[in-house]
Amino acid sequence: MPITKITSAVARDIDADIKAAVASVESKWGVDINVGGGTYNADSFTTKLKVSLSGVDMAKKEWDRYAFRFGLKDEQYGTIFHHGGESFTVAGIRPKARKQPIIGTNARGTRYVFPASVLK
């Protein structure tokens, strides 16, 4: 079915087809390939492919690399902290976010950002 205009829905559908097409590459090389997150206009679109090693916790690696910048320790990744009467698990770090670099998830899996002071 040829298209005449690229919309966000068309870009998502094409991304899904690309993801299905690279499944054999994933299994052959033992990697994870994430597709999406590009830009589009009516005539064209650009998508991103991110290839990473399977089974590697990239959030943990990033935490180990940047946590010291905020006065935090490597072993604080994955710990539970309380904020506003709710429990959160440390799920990552945003190294470029000076004010709220900590990513935490609640029991429902919703991600929130927090200042580094919640872990000190």
Protein backbone atom coordinates (compact mmCIF):
# COMPACT_ATOMS: atom_id res chain seq x y z
CA MET A 1 0.00 0.00 0.00
CA PRO A 2 1.89 3.10 -1.18
CA ILE A 3 1.56 6.21 0.96
CA THR A 4 1.30 9.79 -0.19
CA LYS A 5 2.12 11.55 3.08
CA ILE A 6 4.15 10.63 6.15
CA THR A 7 2.33 11.09 9.44
CA SER A 8 3.30 10.07 12.97
CA ALA A 9 1.13 6.96 12.65
CA VAL A 10 2.83 5.97 9.39
CA ALA A 11 6.28 6.56 10.92
CA ARG A 12 5.34 4.35 13.92
CA ASP A 13 4.09 1.60 11.60
CA ILE A 14 7.26 1.71 9.52
CA ASP A 15 9.36 1.64 12.70
CA ALA A 16 7.47 -1.50 13.78
CA ASP A 17 8.17 -3.11 10.40
CA ILE A 18 11.86 -2.21 10.69
CA LYS A 19 11.95 -3.72 14.18
CA ALA A 20 10.44 -6.95 12.84
CA ALA A 21 12.91 -6.96 9.94
CA VAL A 22 15.96 -6.67 12.22
CA ALA A 23 14.80 -9.48 14.55
CA SER A 24 17.04 -11.96 12.74
CA VAL A 25 20.02 -9.65 13.22
CA GLU A 26 19.24 -9.48 16.95
CA SER A 27 19.18 -13.24 17.30
CA LYS A 28 22.24 -13.78 15.09
CA TRP A 29 24.45 -11.36 17.03
CA GLY A 30 22.84 -11.61 20.48
CA VAL A 31 22.08 -7.90 20.71
CA ASP A 32 19.03 -5.74 21.36
CA ILE A 33 18.02 -3.31 18.62
CA ASN A 34 15.69 -0.47 19.52
CA VAL A 35 14.00 1.39 16.66
CA GLY A 36 12.32 4.79 16.88
CA GLY A 37 12.65 8.26 18.25
CA GLY A 38 13.37 10.07 15.02
CA THR A 39 11.81 13.02 13.25
CA TYR A 40 9.40 13.29 10.34
CA ASN A 41 7.75 15.70 7.95
CA ALA A 42 5.24 15.16 5.15
CA ASP A 43 7.89 13.92 2.70
CA SER A 44 10.40 11.95 4.78
CA PHE A 45 11.31 10.71 8.20
CA THR A 46 14.44 9.74 10.05
CA THR A 47 14.47 6.98 12.62
CA LYS A 48 17.12 5.89 15.08
CA LEU A 49 18.56 2.45 15.62
CA LYS A 50 20.23 1.76 18.93
CA VAL A 51 22.15 -1.50 19.19
CA SER A 52 23.14 -2.68 22.67
CA LEU A 53 24.39 -5.88 24.22
CA SER A 54 21.67 -8.21 25.45
CA GLY A 55 21.40 -8.70 29.18
CA VAL A 56 23.38 -5.57 30.06
CA ASP A 57 21.65 -3.19 32.44
CA MET A 58 22.48 0.11 30.74
CA ALA A 59 20.81 2.13 33.51
CA LYS A 60 23.10 0.48 36.08
CA LYS A 61 26.18 1.15 33.95
CA GLU A 62 25.15 4.79 33.59
CA TRP A 63 24.55 5.01 37.35
CA ASP A 64 28.02 3.62 38.06
CA ARG A 65 29.52 6.14 35.68
CA TYR A 66 27.77 9.32 36.91
CA ALA A 67 26.50 8.80 40.48
CA PHE A 68 29.66 10.22 42.06
CA ARG A 69 28.93 13.60 40.46
CA PHE A 70 25.95 13.97 42.78
CA GLY A 71 27.68 12.57 45.87
CA LEU A 72 25.98 9.18 45.50
CA LYS A 73 27.40 5.66 45.75
CA ASP A 74 27.26 2.83 43.22
CA GLU A 75 25.45 0.56 45.69
CA GLN A 76 22.51 2.99 45.98
CA TYR A 77 21.22 1.87 42.57
CA GLY A 78 18.11 -0.28 43.05
CA THR A 79 17.57 0.75 46.66
CA ILE A 80 14.20 1.81 48.01
CA PHE A 81 13.57 5.33 49.29
CA HIS A 82 10.48 7.13 50.54
CA HIS A 83 9.20 10.47 49.30
CA GLY A 84 5.81 12.07 49.88
CA GLY A 85 4.48 9.01 51.70
CA GLU A 86 5.24 6.66 48.81
CA SER A 87 8.04 4.14 48.22
CA PHE A 88 10.25 4.37 45.14
CA THR A 89 13.06 2.26 43.74
CA VAL A 90 16.14 3.95 42.29
CA ALA A 91 15.94 3.10 38.57
CA GLY A 92 18.50 5.38 36.97
CA ILE A 93 20.22 8.70 36.72
CA ARG A 94 19.99 11.69 34.38
CA PRO A 95 23.54 13.06 34.33
CA LYS A 96 22.64 16.31 32.55
CA ALA A 97 19.81 17.15 34.97
CA ARG A 98 21.40 19.21 37.72
CA LYS A 99 18.28 19.73 39.83
CA GLN A 100 16.51 16.36 39.58
CA PRO A 101 18.94 13.70 38.38
CA ILE A 102 17.44 10.64 40.13
CA ILE A 103 14.93 8.42 38.32
CA GLY A 104 12.67 6.47 40.64
CA THR A 105 9.82 4.06 39.97
CA ASN A 106 6.86 3.47 42.24
CA ALA A 107 5.02 0.18 42.82
CA ARG A 108 2.91 0.73 39.69
CA GLY A 109 6.02 1.17 37.54
CA THR A 110 5.51 4.90 36.96
CA ARG A 111 8.80 6.77 36.61
CA TYR A 112 9.44 10.04 38.45
CA VAL A 113 12.46 12.29 38.83
CA PHE A 114 13.88 13.47 42.16
CA PRO A 115 16.68 15.62 43.51
CA ALA A 116 19.80 13.78 44.67
CA SER A 117 19.03 14.83 48.24
CA VAL A 118 16.35 12.10 48.54
CA LEU A 119 19.18 9.55 48.74
CA LYS A 120 21.46 11.38 51.16
